[in-house]
């Protein structure tokens, strides 16, 4: 039972039992007034019998009470003076009140009251004193025992809550590790996928046109090399962000900048230019021109400063959606619309599902058409999952699906909170690339 754990350890019980035995024997040896019997060997044995069972009161409280009360009764009926043996049944009853059920504790109280009354009668005390003594001693012992019971219950509850808290902390730690792994995987996918797609397509074009059109092959290899360098640069930025900054939060205070040759301070906040924002979407569209995809970017509404995490979310969704157009669609053109509403940011990415009417693909696209066709795959679905996870982090929604008129649509809606203080973004006109 939990109450048992709150009692003193067994060595303490043994010390109490031995102490009562020694004290009872000393009191009987040096104090034996008339008309009680002299303290002989039998008295010593009874005193030891009354006291030593107290060492077992932790595990067997009620039997210990019965033994001590029975021994004390025999001790009194044989004519020995009450002495210190009076306290052994009372101490035993404290353990009964602390751990036993109410019915057994009530029986123990009756046993203790009877032996205390017998002690008073044998001691020739006035009857009012005998009655008061028979009531007070069990009452005090019961109060002490119930206090131990409540303390034990509180300690048990505290241990339970401590164990539950430790379990929850371990679960939170595991959840934090998993969330961080998902975040890193999402960042790696969104950052590297676009550049690797471009590099793969351009190297395929170079292989396809190596003998037929060496100039086009050299151009494609140059584009692939640029995409590789951009991928390394993005990876470096990502590693800095993951090491020094929570991309889903905002750090206050000025950015820590040093000379170009200074070593980066891992404790310093990440400069704002290392976090992709909405203003980088036109550059992203221009970068995809080398794949033959013409991207039109439009800004609607009044542009205003947004939380860096919201801007990064919008940028990554656009980046992943356009990369999917390049990898999995036959569209020659796509359209990105960023609309600033009063309480919401609405980002839409549309593709036409095929070559745009009245347009002619770029030479690299024509040369690389078979390569791009071969590079398409069904996809793992991680990109869509990552986009939805990003939207969920910022309490937004993301829908994606085919349009009835053809093509595919990805739409992101993000609720807007308070603007960042001290920042001002001038209005951006409609821009297109490609």
Protein backbone atom coordinates (compact mmCIF):
# COMPACT_ATOMS: atom_id res chain seq x y z
CA UNK A 1 0.00 0.00 0.00
CA UNK A 2 1.17 3.58 -0.58
CA UNK A 3 0.86 4.34 3.14
CA UNK A 4 3.43 1.70 3.98
CA UNK A 5 6.05 3.51 1.92
CA UNK A 6 5.54 6.68 3.96
CA UNK A 7 6.41 4.93 7.27
CA UNK A 8 9.98 5.01 8.57
CA UNK A 9 12.26 2.29 7.20
CA UNK A 10 12.61 -1.04 9.03
CA UNK A 11 15.87 -0.15 10.85
CA UNK A 12 14.02 2.73 12.52
CA UNK A 13 11.24 0.38 13.66
CA UNK A 14 13.83 -2.02 15.05
CA UNK A 15 15.54 0.81 16.92
CA UNK A 16 12.20 1.89 18.44
CA UNK A 17 11.41 -1.69 19.52
CA UNK A 18 14.82 -2.22 21.10
CA UNK A 19 14.61 1.17 22.78
CA UNK A 20 11.24 0.39 24.36
CA UNK A 21 12.51 -3.01 25.54
CA UNK A 22 15.61 -1.53 27.17
CA UNK A 23 13.69 1.36 28.71
CA UNK A 24 10.99 -0.96 30.10
CA UNK A 25 13.57 -3.28 31.62
CA UNK A 26 15.51 -0.38 33.22
CA UNK A 27 12.31 1.18 34.59
CA UNK A 28 11.24 -2.14 36.09
CA UNK A 29 14.67 -2.87 37.55
CA UNK A 30 15.01 0.50 39.29
CA UNK A 31 11.35 1.20 40.12
CA UNK A 32 9.26 -1.52 41.76
CA UNK A 33 7.27 0.03 44.62
CA UNK A 34 4.85 -1.95 46.78
CA UNK A 35 2.38 -3.52 46.46
CA UNK A 36 3.42 -4.63 42.93
CA UNK A 37 5.45 -7.76 42.36
CA UNK A 38 9.24 -7.46 42.20
CA UNK A 39 10.62 -7.17 38.67
CA UNK A 40 11.91 -10.73 38.08
CA UNK A 41 12.99 -12.77 35.05
CA UNK A 42 9.42 -13.31 33.94
CA UNK A 43 8.85 -9.57 33.98
CA UNK A 44 11.93 -9.04 31.83
CA UNK A 45 10.68 -11.62 29.31
CA UNK A 46 7.22 -10.06 29.18
CA UNK A 47 8.72 -6.60 28.72
CA UNK A 48 10.80 -7.86 25.79
CA UNK A 49 7.74 -9.68 24.37
CA UNK A 50 5.70 -6.47 24.54
CA UNK A 51 8.35 -4.21 22.95
CA UNK A 52 10.17 -6.24 20.26
CA UNK A 53 7.13 -6.92 18.01
CA UNK A 54 7.10 -3.19 17.28
CA UNK A 55 9.90 -3.87 14.79
CA UNK A 56 7.32 -5.61 12.56
CA UNK A 57 4.55 -3.03 12.79
CA UNK A 58 5.30 -1.80 9.24
CA UNK A 59 4.15 -5.05 7.62
CA UNK A 60 1.83 -6.56 10.28
CA UNK A 61 0.38 -3.66 12.27
CA UNK A 62 -2.78 -5.31 13.61
CA UNK A 63 -1.13 -8.59 14.76
CA UNK A 64 1.59 -6.51 16.44
CA UNK A 65 -1.10 -4.54 18.30
CA UNK A 66 -2.75 -7.75 19.46
CA UNK A 67 0.57 -9.21 20.66
CA UNK A 68 1.65 -6.07 22.51
CA UNK A 69 -1.80 -5.62 24.07
CA UNK A 70 -1.98 -9.29 25.07
CA UNK A 71 1.53 -9.21 26.54
CA UNK A 72 0.78 -6.02 28.45
CA UNK A 73 -2.46 -7.53 29.76
CA UNK A 74 -0.60 -10.62 31.03
CA UNK A 75 2.05 -8.33 32.52
CA UNK A 76 -0.61 -6.37 34.45
CA UNK A 77 -2.56 -9.43 35.58
CA UNK A 78 0.62 -10.95 37.03
CA UNK A 79 0.89 -7.96 39.35
CA UNK A 80 3.76 -5.97 37.81
CA UNK A 81 3.72 -2.19 37.81
CA UNK A 82 2.55 -0.63 34.46
CA UNK A 83 5.94 1.07 33.87
CA UNK A 84 6.86 2.16 30.29
CA UNK A 85 5.21 -0.89 28.72
CA UNK A 86 2.11 1.28 28.70
CA UNK A 87 3.32 2.93 25.45
CA UNK A 88 3.99 -0.16 23.31
CA UNK A 89 0.31 -0.86 22.43
CA UNK A 90 -0.23 2.85 21.73
CA UNK A 91 2.69 2.94 19.26
CA UNK A 92 1.41 -0.22 17.61
CA UNK A 93 -2.05 1.32 17.19
CA UNK A 94 -0.52 4.36 15.38
CA UNK A 95 0.53 2.00 12.57
CA UNK A 96 -2.91 0.35 12.58
CA UNK A 97 -4.63 3.72 12.15
CA UNK A 98 -2.15 4.66 9.38
CA UNK A 99 -2.52 1.62 7.12
CA UNK A 100 -5.52 -0.52 8.08
CA UNK A 101 -9.12 -0.15 6.97
CA UNK A 102 -11.65 1.66 9.10
CA UNK A 103 -13.24 -1.47 10.55
CA UNK A 104 -9.96 -2.96 11.62
CA UNK A 105 -8.74 0.40 12.90
CA UNK A 106 -11.92 0.67 14.98
CA UNK A 107 -11.29 -2.80 16.42
CA UNK A 108 -7.74 -1.78 17.23
CA UNK A 109 -9.01 1.33 19.02
CA UNK A 110 -11.27 -0.85 21.19
CA UNK A 111 -8.36 -3.18 22.04
CA UNK A 112 -6.12 -0.25 22.95
CA UNK A 113 -8.82 1.44 25.05
CA UNK A 114 -9.44 -1.80 26.95
CA UNK A 115 -5.79 -2.38 27.80
CA UNK A 116 -5.32 1.29 28.78
CA UNK A 117 -8.37 1.04 31.08
CA UNK A 118 -6.98 -2.15 32.59
CA UNK A 119 -3.67 -0.38 33.17
CA UNK A 120 -5.48 2.41 35.02
CA UNK A 121 -7.48 -0.03 37.14
CA UNK A 122 -4.36 -2.04 38.03
CA UNK A 123 -2.61 1.20 38.87
CA UNK A 124 -5.42 2.05 41.29
CA UNK A 125 -6.23 5.36 39.54
CA UNK A 126 -9.55 7.15 40.15
CA UNK A 127 -12.23 6.01 37.75
CA UNK A 128 -12.59 9.43 36.01
CA UNK A 129 -8.86 9.31 35.24
CA UNK A 130 -9.22 5.75 33.99
CA UNK A 131 -12.03 6.76 31.60
CA UNK A 132 -10.29 9.87 30.32
CA UNK A 133 -7.08 7.95 29.84
CA UNK A 134 -8.85 5.17 27.95
CA UNK A 135 -10.37 7.76 25.57
CA UNK A 136 -7.50 10.20 25.16
CA UNK A 137 -4.70 7.74 24.41
CA UNK A 138 -6.52 5.95 21.50
CA UNK A 139 -7.71 9.31 20.16
CA UNK A 140 -4.22 10.81 20.09
CA UNK A 141 -2.74 7.64 18.57
CA UNK A 142 -5.48 7.60 15.90
CA UNK A 143 -4.82 11.26 15.04
CA UNK A 144 -1.12 10.57 14.57
CA UNK A 145 -1.88 7.50 12.45
CA UNK A 146 -4.38 9.31 10.22
CA UNK A 147 -1.87 12.12 9.72
CA UNK A 148 0.65 9.53 8.53
CA UNK A 149 -1.99 8.07 6.21
CA UNK A 150 -2.75 11.43 4.60
CA UNK A 151 0.95 12.19 4.26
CA UNK A 152 1.52 8.82 2.62
CA UNK A 153 -1.35 9.39 0.19
CA UNK A 154 0.00 12.80 -0.75
CA UNK A 155 3.48 11.35 -1.26
CA UNK A 156 2.04 8.58 -3.41
CA UNK A 157 0.11 11.12 -5.49
CA UNK A 158 3.23 13.23 -5.80
CA UNK A 159 5.20 10.21 -7.03
CA UNK A 160 2.44 9.42 -9.52
CA UNK A 161 2.36 12.96 -10.83
CA UNK A 162 6.15 13.06 -11.01
CA UNK A 163 6.19 9.84 -13.02
CA UNK A 164 3.42 11.20 -15.29
CA UNK A 165 5.31 14.46 -15.76
CA UNK A 166 8.48 12.56 -16.63
CA UNK A 167 6.56 10.47 -19.15
CA UNK A 168 5.01 13.57 -20.71
CA UNK A 169 8.39 15.26 -20.88
CA UNK A 170 9.85 12.24 -22.64
CA UNK A 171 6.93 12.21 -25.06
CA UNK A 172 7.34 15.93 -25.71
CA UNK A 173 11.06 15.43 -26.29
CA UNK A 174 10.37 12.65 -28.79
CA UNK A 175 7.70 14.76 -30.47
CA UNK A 176 10.09 17.70 -30.68
CA UNK A 177 12.72 15.47 -32.28
CA UNK A 178 10.20 14.19 -34.82
CA UNK A 179 8.95 17.70 -35.57
CA UNK A 180 12.51 18.87 -36.11
CA UNK A 181 13.21 15.94 -38.41
CA UNK A 182 10.07 16.71 -40.42
CA UNK A 183 11.03 20.38 -40.59
CA UNK A 184 14.54 19.60 -41.81
CA UNK A 185 13.19 17.12 -44.37
CA UNK A 186 10.66 19.70 -45.58
CA UNK A 187 13.32 22.40 -45.90
CA UNK A 188 15.71 20.09 -47.75
CA UNK A 189 12.98 18.99 -50.13
CA UNK A 190 11.74 22.50 -50.87
CA UNK A 191 15.21 24.02 -51.18
CA UNK A 192 17.09 21.43 -53.21
CA UNK A 193 14.33 19.91 -55.33
CA UNK A 194 13.96 22.85 -57.72
CA UNK A 195 17.67 23.24 -58.43
CA UNK A 196 18.22 19.50 -58.85
CA UNK A 197 15.29 19.36 -61.26
CA UNK A 198 16.82 22.10 -63.38
CA UNK A 199 20.26 20.49 -63.26
CA UNK A 200 18.83 17.09 -64.23
CA UNK A 201 16.85 18.49 -67.14
CA UNK A 202 19.75 20.58 -68.48
CA UNK A 203 22.27 17.75 -68.24
CA UNK A 204 19.78 15.57 -70.10
CA UNK A 205 19.46 18.25 -72.76
CA UNK A 206 23.25 18.45 -73.01
CA UNK A 207 23.45 14.70 -73.49
CA UNK A 208 20.67 14.81 -76.08
CA UNK A 209 22.27 17.63 -78.12
CA UNK A 210 25.95 16.86 -77.48
CA UNK A 211 26.73 15.86 -81.08
CA UNK A 212 23.86 17.55 -82.94
CA UNK A 213 24.17 21.03 -81.38
CA UNK A 214 27.36 21.50 -79.30
CA UNK A 215 26.51 25.15 -78.61
CA UNK A 216 23.14 24.21 -77.09
CA UNK A 217 24.85 21.45 -75.09
CA UNK A 218 27.39 23.92 -73.68
CA UNK A 219 24.57 26.31 -72.79
CA UNK A 220 22.66 23.53 -71.03
CA UNK A 221 25.75 22.47 -69.08
CA UNK A 222 26.29 26.06 -68.03
CA UNK A 223 22.73 26.28 -66.78
CA UNK A 224 23.16 22.96 -64.94
CA UNK A 225 26.37 24.23 -63.32
CA UNK A 226 24.59 27.42 -62.24
CA UNK A 227 21.74 25.37 -60.78
CA UNK A 228 24.24 23.24 -58.88
CA UNK A 229 25.95 26.29 -57.43
CA UNK A 230 22.56 27.74 -56.49
CA UNK A 231 21.68 24.47 -54.79
CA UNK A 232 24.89 24.58 -52.76
CA UNK A 233 24.20 28.20 -51.85
CA UNK A 234 20.63 27.37 -50.77
CA UNK A 235 21.90 24.40 -48.79
CA UNK A 236 24.41 26.62 -47.01
CA UNK A 237 21.66 29.10 -46.15
CA UNK A 238 19.46 26.30 -44.92
CA UNK A 239 22.18 24.91 -42.69
CA UNK A 240 22.70 28.35 -41.18
CA UNK A 241 18.97 28.70 -40.56
CA UNK A 242 18.70 25.27 -38.97
CA UNK A 243 21.73 25.91 -36.77
CA UNK A 244 20.98 29.42 -35.57
CA UNK A 245 17.36 30.33 -36.20
CA UNK A 246 13.87 28.93 -35.88
CA UNK A 247 12.33 29.55 -39.30
CA UNK A 248 8.85 29.36 -37.79
CA UNK A 249 9.57 32.14 -35.31
CA UNK A 250 10.78 35.70 -35.33
CA UNK A 251 13.83 36.98 -33.56
CA UNK A 252 13.88 40.50 -32.26
CA UNK A 253 16.84 42.77 -32.33
CA UNK A 254 19.29 43.74 -35.04
CA UNK A 255 20.95 41.13 -37.18
CA UNK A 256 24.51 40.28 -36.35
CA UNK A 257 26.69 41.13 -39.33
CA UNK A 258 30.43 41.26 -39.69
CA UNK A 259 33.04 41.56 -42.39
CA UNK A 260 32.83 39.27 -45.36
CA UNK A 261 35.77 37.28 -44.13
CA UNK A 262 34.53 36.93 -40.56
CA UNK A 263 33.50 33.54 -39.32
CA UNK A 264 29.76 33.15 -38.74
CA UNK A 265 28.65 33.37 -35.14
CA UNK A 266 26.35 30.40 -34.39
CA UNK A 267 24.69 32.40 -31.61
CA UNK A 268 23.86 35.38 -33.82
CA UNK A 269 20.43 35.81 -35.46
CA UNK A 270 20.20 34.93 -39.14
CA UNK A 271 20.24 37.97 -41.44
CA UNK A 272 16.91 38.64 -43.11
CA UNK A 273 18.32 38.08 -46.59
CA UNK A 274 18.97 34.42 -45.75
CA UNK A 275 15.23 33.84 -45.24
CA UNK A 276 13.34 33.56 -48.52
CA UNK A 277 10.39 35.91 -48.79
CA UNK A 278 7.57 36.82 -51.11
CA UNK A 279 9.72 39.42 -52.85
CA UNK A 280 11.94 36.60 -54.18
CA UNK A 281 9.11 34.95 -56.12
CA UNK A 282 9.79 36.95 -59.34
CA UNK A 283 13.45 35.90 -59.22
CA UNK A 284 12.31 32.31 -58.74
CA UNK A 285 10.10 32.62 -61.82
CA UNK A 286 12.99 34.02 -63.89
CA UNK A 287 15.21 31.19 -62.69
CA UNK A 288 12.74 28.62 -64.04
CA UNK A 289 12.87 30.19 -67.49
CA UNK A 290 15.79 27.94 -68.41
CA UNK A 291 13.44 24.94 -68.23
CA UNK A 292 11.18 26.48 -70.86
CA UNK A 293 8.39 27.29 -68.42
CA UNK A 294 7.05 30.85 -68.71
CA UNK A 295 5.85 32.08 -65.32
CA UNK A 296 3.75 35.21 -64.82
CA UNK A 297 3.81 36.70 -61.33
CA UNK A 298 1.12 39.12 -60.16
CA UNK A 299 0.77 41.00 -56.87
CA UNK A 300 -2.67 42.23 -55.87
CA UNK A 301 -3.72 44.35 -52.94
CA UNK A 302 -1.54 46.57 -50.76
CA UNK A 303 1.78 44.84 -49.96
CA UNK A 304 2.81 45.16 -46.32
CA UNK A 305 5.37 43.66 -43.94
CA UNK A 306 4.53 40.11 -42.86
CA UNK A 307 5.92 37.69 -40.33
CA UNK A 308 9.15 36.16 -41.77
CA UNK A 309 7.74 32.68 -41.24
CA UNK A 310 4.60 33.54 -43.23
CA UNK A 311 6.69 34.91 -46.09
CA UNK A 312 8.91 31.83 -46.06
CA UNK A 313 5.83 29.59 -46.08
CA UNK A 314 4.38 31.39 -49.11
CA UNK A 315 7.69 31.33 -50.97
CA UNK A 316 8.28 27.61 -50.34
CA UNK A 317 4.77 26.70 -51.46
CA UNK A 318 5.21 28.64 -54.70
CA UNK A 319 8.64 27.10 -55.20
CA UNK A 320 7.36 23.55 -54.70
CA UNK A 321 4.28 24.11 -56.87
CA UNK A 322 6.34 25.48 -59.79
CA UNK A 323 8.88 22.70 -59.41
CA UNK A 324 6.05 20.18 -59.66
CA UNK A 325 4.87 21.89 -62.86
CA UNK A 326 8.34 21.47 -64.33
CA UNK A 327 8.67 17.85 -63.20
CA UNK A 328 5.20 16.43 -63.73
CA UNK A 329 3.18 18.66 -66.08
CA UNK A 330 3.28 19.46 -69.78
CA UNK A 331 2.42 23.09 -69.21
CA UNK A 332 4.37 25.74 -71.11
CA UNK A 333 3.15 28.54 -68.87
CA UNK A 334 2.14 29.05 -65.26
CA UNK A 335 0.70 31.91 -63.29
CA UNK A 336 1.43 32.95 -59.71
CA UNK A 337 -0.94 35.36 -57.97
CA UNK A 338 -0.13 36.83 -54.55
CA UNK A 339 -3.07 38.76 -53.12
CA UNK A 340 -2.82 40.79 -49.94
CA UNK A 341 -6.23 40.87 -48.28
CA UNK A 342 -7.25 42.59 -45.08
CA UNK A 343 -6.84 39.56 -42.85
CA UNK A 344 -5.47 36.95 -45.22
CA UNK A 345 -2.70 36.24 -47.71
CA UNK A 346 -3.98 34.35 -50.76
CA UNK A 347 -1.39 32.67 -52.99
CA UNK A 348 -2.45 30.80 -56.14
CA UNK A 349 -0.30 28.84 -58.60
CA UNK A 350 -1.99 27.81 -61.87
CA UNK A 351 -0.65 25.93 -64.87
CA UNK A 352 -2.36 25.58 -68.23
CA UNK A 353 -1.82 21.87 -68.56
CA UNK A 354 -0.15 22.14 -71.96
CA UNK A 355 1.68 24.53 -74.34
CA UNK A 356 0.18 27.98 -74.22
CA UNK A 357 -1.73 28.91 -77.38
CA UNK A 358 0.19 31.15 -79.77
CA UNK A 359 3.52 30.68 -77.99
CA UNK A 360 6.69 29.02 -79.12
CA UNK A 361 8.88 27.18 -76.68
CA UNK A 362 12.46 28.22 -76.09
CA UNK A 363 15.16 26.34 -77.99
CA UNK A 364 16.39 24.58 -74.91
CA UNK A 365 12.85 23.43 -74.20
CA UNK A 366 12.44 22.08 -77.71
CA UNK A 367 15.74 20.31 -77.56
CA UNK A 368 15.04 19.03 -74.12
CA UNK A 369 11.45 17.98 -74.66
CA UNK A 370 12.19 14.25 -74.70
CA UNK A 371 14.48 14.64 -71.71
CA UNK A 372 11.84 16.49 -69.72
CA UNK A 373 9.32 13.85 -70.67
CA UNK A 374 11.68 11.13 -69.44
CA UNK A 375 12.39 13.02 -66.24
CA UNK A 376 8.73 13.07 -65.22
CA UNK A 377 7.62 10.66 -62.55
CA UNK A 378 4.55 9.94 -60.52
CA UNK A 379 6.17 11.66 -57.55
CA UNK A 380 6.41 10.55 -53.94
CA UNK A 381 3.78 12.97 -52.67
CA UNK A 382 6.22 14.46 -50.17
CA UNK A 383 6.00 17.87 -51.80
CA UNK A 384 2.24 18.16 -51.30
CA UNK A 385 2.57 16.84 -47.75
CA UNK A 386 5.28 19.39 -47.03
CA UNK A 387 3.17 22.25 -48.41
CA UNK A 388 0.23 21.25 -46.25
CA UNK A 389 2.45 20.94 -43.19
CA UNK A 390 3.76 24.46 -43.78
CA UNK A 391 0.24 25.83 -44.13
CA UNK A 392 -0.85 24.05 -40.95
CA UNK A 393 2.04 25.52 -38.94
CA UNK A 394 0.74 29.01 -39.71
CA UNK A 395 -2.93 28.07 -39.22
CA UNK A 396 -3.59 28.27 -42.93
CA UNK A 397 -5.14 26.00 -45.54
CA UNK A 398 -3.82 24.56 -48.77
CA UNK A 399 -5.88 23.05 -51.55
CA UNK A 400 -4.51 21.37 -54.65
CA UNK A 401 -6.24 19.69 -57.57
CA UNK A 402 -7.01 19.61 -61.25
CA UNK A 403 -9.11 22.41 -62.75
CA UNK A 404 -12.23 21.61 -64.84
CA UNK A 405 -10.88 23.72 -67.72
CA UNK A 406 -7.55 21.91 -67.60
CA UNK A 407 -4.29 22.25 -65.74
CA UNK A 408 -3.64 22.19 -62.01
CA UNK A 409 -4.22 24.67 -59.21
CA UNK A 410 -2.47 25.07 -55.86
CA UNK A 411 -4.01 27.63 -53.51
CA UNK A 412 -2.62 28.73 -50.17
CA UNK A 413 -4.51 30.85 -47.64
CA UNK A 414 -2.68 32.19 -44.60
CA UNK A 415 -4.29 34.32 -41.88
CA UNK A 416 -2.34 37.49 -41.19
CA UNK A 417 -1.50 38.61 -37.66
CA UNK A 418 0.21 41.77 -36.49
CA UNK A 419 2.71 43.40 -38.80
CA UNK A 420 6.32 43.60 -37.82
CA UNK A 421 7.13 47.03 -36.38
CA UNK A 422 9.60 49.39 -38.03
CA UNK A 423 9.36 47.90 -41.51
CA UNK A 424 7.96 49.34 -44.72
CA UNK A 425 7.62 47.62 -48.06
CA UNK A 426 6.82 49.82 -51.05
CA UNK A 427 3.99 48.71 -53.32
CA UNK A 428 5.12 46.25 -55.94
CA UNK A 429 3.65 46.50 -59.45
CA UNK A 430 2.53 43.53 -61.48
CA UNK A 431 5.58 41.77 -62.87
CA UNK A 432 6.09 38.85 -65.20
CA UNK A 433 9.06 36.76 -66.15
CA UNK A 434 9.69 34.54 -69.07
